[in-house]
């Protein structure tokens, strides 16, 4: 049985990405991601089911890295065995994740 642990490494604010607050046309600033918090952890089962409470937009963005690890691929000389880093596709307030393959023998 193989599963994965996803850890939220960093939640960026628009200011971190574009150097200033991002203001909507109605005058309200766009905040950092309201769904995820730094150090939050999620477990993914062997069926690669989206974890409960995990942002669907982020899941769409990082699923390919989970698929890579599931199939024995990755960048072991960069991130170590069975570990990858990925970000959600939100260009204004991205979230960075650490993805670890957990072997249960």
N, C-alpha and C. Protein backbone atom coordinates (compact mmCIF):
# COMPACT_ATOMS: atom_id res chain seq x y z
N UNK A 1 0.84 -1.18 0.00
CA UNK A 1 0.00 0.00 0.00
C UNK A 1 0.89 1.25 0.00
N UNK A 2 0.63 2.16 -0.90
CA UNK A 2 1.41 3.39 -1.00
C UNK A 2 0.48 4.58 -0.77
N UNK A 3 0.94 5.53 -0.02
CA UNK A 3 0.18 6.76 0.16
C UNK A 3 1.16 7.93 0.19
N UNK A 4 0.62 9.11 0.36
CA UNK A 4 1.41 10.33 0.29
C UNK A 4 1.02 11.28 1.41
N UNK A 5 2.00 12.08 1.81
CA UNK A 5 1.73 13.16 2.75
C UNK A 5 2.04 14.47 2.03
N UNK A 6 1.10 15.40 2.11
CA UNK A 6 1.28 16.74 1.55
C UNK A 6 1.37 17.70 2.73
N UNK A 7 2.45 18.48 2.77
CA UNK A 7 2.62 19.48 3.81
C UNK A 7 2.64 20.86 3.16
N UNK A 8 1.87 21.77 3.72
CA UNK A 8 1.87 23.15 3.23
C UNK A 8 3.14 23.82 3.76
N UNK A 9 4.03 24.19 2.84
CA UNK A 9 5.32 24.77 3.21
C UNK A 9 5.21 26.29 3.36
N UNK A 10 4.56 26.94 2.39
CA UNK A 10 4.49 28.40 2.40
C UNK A 10 3.21 28.85 1.71
N UNK A 11 2.52 29.79 2.34
CA UNK A 11 1.34 30.43 1.75
C UNK A 11 1.75 31.87 1.43
N UNK A 12 1.80 32.20 0.15
CA UNK A 12 2.25 33.51 -0.28
C UNK A 12 1.11 34.51 -0.36
N UNK A 13 1.42 35.75 -0.04
CA UNK A 13 0.47 36.84 -0.23
C UNK A 13 0.76 37.48 -1.58
N UNK A 14 -0.22 38.17 -2.16
CA UNK A 14 0.04 38.84 -3.44
C UNK A 14 1.28 39.74 -3.38
N UNK A 15 1.51 40.39 -2.25
CA UNK A 15 2.66 41.28 -2.09
C UNK A 15 3.98 40.51 -2.28
N UNK A 16 4.01 39.24 -1.85
CA UNK A 16 5.21 38.41 -2.01
C UNK A 16 5.50 38.12 -3.48
N UNK A 17 4.45 38.08 -4.28
CA UNK A 17 4.58 37.67 -5.68
C UNK A 17 4.77 38.87 -6.61
N UNK A 18 3.94 39.89 -6.45
CA UNK A 18 3.97 41.02 -7.39
C UNK A 18 4.53 42.31 -6.77
N UNK A 19 4.95 42.23 -5.50
CA UNK A 19 5.59 43.37 -4.87
C UNK A 19 4.65 44.41 -4.28
N UNK A 20 3.37 44.16 -4.35
CA UNK A 20 2.39 45.10 -3.78
C UNK A 20 1.09 44.35 -3.56
N UNK A 21 0.17 44.97 -2.83
CA UNK A 21 -1.15 44.38 -2.66
C UNK A 21 -1.85 44.33 -4.01
N UNK A 22 -2.67 43.32 -4.22
CA UNK A 22 -3.46 43.21 -5.45
C UNK A 22 -4.88 43.62 -5.09
N UNK A 23 -5.33 44.70 -5.68
CA UNK A 23 -6.62 45.29 -5.33
C UNK A 23 -7.64 44.97 -6.42
N UNK A 24 -8.78 44.44 -5.98
CA UNK A 24 -9.88 44.16 -6.92
C UNK A 24 -10.45 45.47 -7.46
N UNK A 25 -11.24 45.38 -8.51
CA UNK A 25 -11.85 46.57 -9.09
C UNK A 25 -12.82 47.24 -8.13
N UNK A 26 -13.31 46.49 -7.14
CA UNK A 26 -14.22 47.09 -6.15
C UNK A 26 -13.47 47.73 -4.98
N UNK A 27 -12.13 47.71 -5.05
CA UNK A 27 -11.32 48.35 -4.01
C UNK A 27 -10.85 47.43 -2.90
N UNK A 28 -11.34 46.19 -2.86
CA UNK A 28 -10.94 45.25 -1.81
C UNK A 28 -9.66 44.51 -2.20
N UNK A 29 -8.73 44.37 -1.26
CA UNK A 29 -7.51 43.61 -1.57
C UNK A 29 -7.79 42.11 -1.62
N UNK A 30 -7.03 41.41 -2.45
CA UNK A 30 -7.11 39.95 -2.50
C UNK A 30 -6.19 39.42 -1.40
N UNK A 31 -6.71 38.63 -0.47
CA UNK A 31 -5.89 38.12 0.64
C UNK A 31 -5.08 36.89 0.20
N UNK A 32 -4.22 36.41 1.11
CA UNK A 32 -3.55 35.14 0.84
C UNK A 32 -4.61 34.04 0.82
N UNK A 33 -4.23 32.86 0.37
CA UNK A 33 -5.17 31.74 0.24
C UNK A 33 -5.93 31.52 1.55
N UNK A 34 -7.25 31.52 1.48
CA UNK A 34 -8.05 31.33 2.70
C UNK A 34 -8.29 29.86 3.06
N UNK A 35 -7.83 28.93 2.21
CA UNK A 35 -8.14 27.51 2.40
C UNK A 35 -7.04 26.73 3.11
N UNK A 36 -5.80 27.20 3.00
CA UNK A 36 -4.66 26.42 3.49
C UNK A 36 -3.79 27.25 4.42
N UNK A 37 -3.16 26.57 5.40
CA UNK A 37 -2.30 27.23 6.37
C UNK A 37 -0.94 26.53 6.39
N UNK A 38 0.12 27.30 6.63
CA UNK A 38 1.46 26.73 6.71
C UNK A 38 1.53 25.66 7.79
N UNK A 39 2.24 24.62 7.51
CA UNK A 39 2.47 23.40 8.32
C UNK A 39 1.28 22.43 8.30
N UNK A 40 0.18 22.82 7.68
CA UNK A 40 -0.98 21.92 7.57
C UNK A 40 -0.57 20.68 6.79
N UNK A 41 -1.07 19.52 7.20
CA UNK A 41 -0.72 18.25 6.54
C UNK A 41 -1.99 17.54 6.07
N UNK A 42 -1.84 16.86 4.93
CA UNK A 42 -2.92 16.07 4.35
C UNK A 42 -2.35 14.72 3.95
N UNK A 43 -3.14 13.67 4.10
CA UNK A 43 -2.76 12.34 3.63
C UNK A 43 -3.57 11.99 2.40
N UNK A 44 -2.88 11.34 1.45
CA UNK A 44 -3.51 10.91 0.21
C UNK A 44 -3.45 9.40 0.17
N UNK A 45 -4.57 8.75 -0.08
CA UNK A 45 -4.61 7.29 -0.11
C UNK A 45 -4.05 6.75 -1.43
N UNK A 46 -3.93 5.43 -1.50
CA UNK A 46 -3.36 4.78 -2.69
C UNK A 46 -4.21 4.96 -3.93
N UNK A 47 -5.47 5.35 -3.77
CA UNK A 47 -6.34 5.61 -4.92
C UNK A 47 -6.18 7.05 -5.43
N UNK A 48 -5.31 7.81 -4.79
CA UNK A 48 -5.03 9.21 -5.15
C UNK A 48 -6.28 10.08 -5.07
N UNK A 49 -7.05 9.86 -4.02
CA UNK A 49 -8.26 10.64 -3.79
C UNK A 49 -7.89 11.99 -3.19
N UNK A 50 -8.50 13.05 -3.70
CA UNK A 50 -8.25 14.38 -3.15
C UNK A 50 -8.61 14.38 -1.67
N UNK A 51 -7.68 14.82 -0.81
CA UNK A 51 -7.97 14.84 0.63
C UNK A 51 -9.11 15.79 0.97
N UNK A 52 -9.88 15.42 1.97
CA UNK A 52 -10.96 16.28 2.43
C UNK A 52 -10.39 17.60 2.92
N UNK A 53 -11.01 18.70 2.52
CA UNK A 53 -10.58 20.02 2.93
C UNK A 53 -9.46 20.61 2.10
N UNK A 54 -8.97 19.85 1.11
CA UNK A 54 -7.88 20.34 0.27
C UNK A 54 -8.46 21.15 -0.89
N UNK A 55 -7.86 22.27 -1.19
CA UNK A 55 -8.34 23.16 -2.25
C UNK A 55 -8.32 22.45 -3.60
N UNK A 56 -9.46 22.41 -4.32
CA UNK A 56 -9.51 21.73 -5.62
C UNK A 56 -8.57 22.34 -6.65
N UNK A 57 -8.40 23.66 -6.61
CA UNK A 57 -7.49 24.32 -7.56
C UNK A 57 -6.05 23.88 -7.31
N UNK A 58 -5.66 23.80 -6.05
CA UNK A 58 -4.32 23.34 -5.70
C UNK A 58 -4.14 21.86 -6.07
N UNK A 59 -5.17 21.05 -5.81
CA UNK A 59 -5.10 19.62 -6.14
C UNK A 59 -4.85 19.43 -7.64
N UNK A 60 -5.58 20.18 -8.44
CA UNK A 60 -5.39 20.12 -9.90
C UNK A 60 -3.93 20.46 -10.26
N UNK A 61 -3.37 21.44 -9.57
CA UNK A 61 -2.03 21.90 -9.90
C UNK A 61 -0.92 20.97 -9.47
N UNK A 62 -1.09 20.22 -8.38
CA UNK A 62 0.01 19.38 -7.87
C UNK A 62 -0.17 17.90 -8.16
N UNK A 63 -1.30 17.51 -8.72
CA UNK A 63 -1.57 16.09 -8.95
C UNK A 63 -0.50 15.42 -9.79
N UNK A 64 0.04 16.14 -10.77
CA UNK A 64 1.06 15.54 -11.65
C UNK A 64 2.31 15.13 -10.87
N UNK A 65 2.67 15.88 -9.83
CA UNK A 65 3.82 15.50 -9.01
C UNK A 65 3.52 14.25 -8.19
N UNK A 66 2.32 14.15 -7.68
CA UNK A 66 1.92 12.95 -6.94
C UNK A 66 1.97 11.74 -7.88
N UNK A 67 1.47 11.92 -9.08
CA UNK A 67 1.49 10.85 -10.09
C UNK A 67 2.93 10.43 -10.40
N UNK A 68 3.83 11.42 -10.52
CA UNK A 68 5.23 11.10 -10.79
C UNK A 68 5.81 10.24 -9.67
N UNK A 69 5.60 10.65 -8.42
CA UNK A 69 6.14 9.87 -7.30
C UNK A 69 5.52 8.49 -7.23
N UNK A 70 4.25 8.40 -7.51
CA UNK A 70 3.57 7.10 -7.49
C UNK A 70 4.23 6.13 -8.46
N UNK A 71 4.69 6.66 -9.58
CA UNK A 71 5.28 5.82 -10.62
C UNK A 71 6.81 5.75 -10.54
N UNK A 72 7.37 6.14 -9.40
CA UNK A 72 8.80 5.98 -9.17
C UNK A 72 9.68 7.04 -9.77
N UNK A 73 9.10 8.16 -10.18
CA UNK A 73 9.89 9.23 -10.77
C UNK A 73 10.05 10.37 -9.78
N UNK A 74 10.91 11.30 -10.12
CA UNK A 74 11.14 12.47 -9.27
C UNK A 74 12.51 13.05 -9.57
N UNK A 75 13.03 13.81 -8.64
CA UNK A 75 14.33 14.45 -8.77
C UNK A 75 15.15 14.15 -7.51
N UNK A 76 15.57 12.89 -7.33
CA UNK A 76 16.23 12.51 -6.08
C UNK A 76 17.51 13.29 -5.80
N UNK A 77 18.21 13.74 -6.85
CA UNK A 77 19.44 14.51 -6.62
C UNK A 77 19.14 15.94 -6.19
N UNK A 78 17.90 16.38 -6.32
CA UNK A 78 17.49 17.73 -5.87
C UNK A 78 16.77 17.67 -4.53
N UNK A 79 15.75 16.82 -4.45
CA UNK A 79 14.84 16.85 -3.30
C UNK A 79 14.91 15.61 -2.42
N UNK A 80 15.72 14.65 -2.81
CA UNK A 80 15.81 13.40 -2.06
C UNK A 80 14.84 12.37 -2.62
N UNK A 81 15.00 11.15 -2.17
CA UNK A 81 14.13 10.07 -2.62
C UNK A 81 12.70 10.29 -2.15
N UNK A 82 11.77 10.03 -3.03
CA UNK A 82 10.34 10.02 -2.68
C UNK A 82 9.81 11.36 -2.18
N UNK A 83 10.42 12.46 -2.60
CA UNK A 83 9.97 13.79 -2.19
C UNK A 83 10.00 14.73 -3.37
N UNK A 84 8.96 15.53 -3.50
CA UNK A 84 8.91 16.59 -4.50
C UNK A 84 8.29 17.83 -3.87
N UNK A 85 8.55 18.97 -4.48
CA UNK A 85 7.91 20.22 -4.09
C UNK A 85 7.11 20.71 -5.27
N UNK A 86 5.97 21.33 -4.99
CA UNK A 86 5.09 21.82 -6.06
C UNK A 86 4.32 23.02 -5.54
N UNK A 87 3.76 23.77 -6.47
CA UNK A 87 2.92 24.91 -6.09
C UNK A 87 1.58 24.81 -6.78
N UNK A 88 0.59 25.43 -6.16
CA UNK A 88 -0.71 25.53 -6.81
C UNK A 88 -0.60 26.54 -7.95
N UNK A 89 -1.52 26.53 -8.90
CA UNK A 89 -1.41 27.40 -10.07
C UNK A 89 -1.93 28.82 -9.88
N UNK A 90 -2.25 29.23 -8.66
CA UNK A 90 -2.73 30.59 -8.42
C UNK A 90 -1.55 31.55 -8.56
N UNK A 91 -1.54 32.33 -9.60
CA UNK A 91 -0.42 33.22 -9.88
C UNK A 91 -0.35 34.45 -9.00
N UNK A 92 -1.40 34.77 -8.28
CA UNK A 92 -1.42 35.95 -7.42
C UNK A 92 -1.10 35.59 -5.96
N UNK A 93 -1.50 34.41 -5.53
CA UNK A 93 -1.28 33.99 -4.13
C UNK A 93 -1.01 32.49 -4.06
N UNK A 94 0.12 32.06 -4.63
CA UNK A 94 0.40 30.62 -4.67
C UNK A 94 0.68 30.03 -3.29
N UNK A 95 0.58 28.72 -3.25
CA UNK A 95 0.90 27.95 -2.05
C UNK A 95 1.92 26.89 -2.46
N UNK A 96 2.98 26.74 -1.68
CA UNK A 96 4.03 25.76 -1.96
C UNK A 96 3.82 24.53 -1.06
N UNK A 97 3.96 23.35 -1.66
CA UNK A 97 3.73 22.09 -0.95
C UNK A 97 4.96 21.18 -1.02
N UNK A 98 5.16 20.42 0.04
CA UNK A 98 6.11 19.31 0.05
C UNK A 98 5.28 18.04 -0.07
N UNK A 99 5.62 17.19 -1.03
CA UNK A 99 4.89 15.95 -1.27
C UNK A 99 5.84 14.79 -1.00
N UNK A 100 5.43 13.89 -0.11
CA UNK A 100 6.27 12.76 0.26
C UNK A 100 5.54 11.45 0.00
N UNK A 101 6.21 10.54 -0.65
CA UNK A 101 5.67 9.20 -0.86
C UNK A 101 5.97 8.38 0.39
N UNK A 102 4.93 7.76 0.93
CA UNK A 102 5.06 6.94 2.14
C UNK A 102 4.85 5.49 1.75
N UNK A 103 5.84 4.66 2.01
CA UNK A 103 5.70 3.23 1.72
C UNK A 103 5.23 2.51 2.97
N UNK A 104 4.16 1.77 2.82
CA UNK A 104 3.63 0.96 3.92
C UNK A 104 3.76 -0.50 3.50
N UNK A 105 4.73 -1.18 4.05
CA UNK A 105 4.96 -2.57 3.64
C UNK A 105 4.44 -3.51 4.69
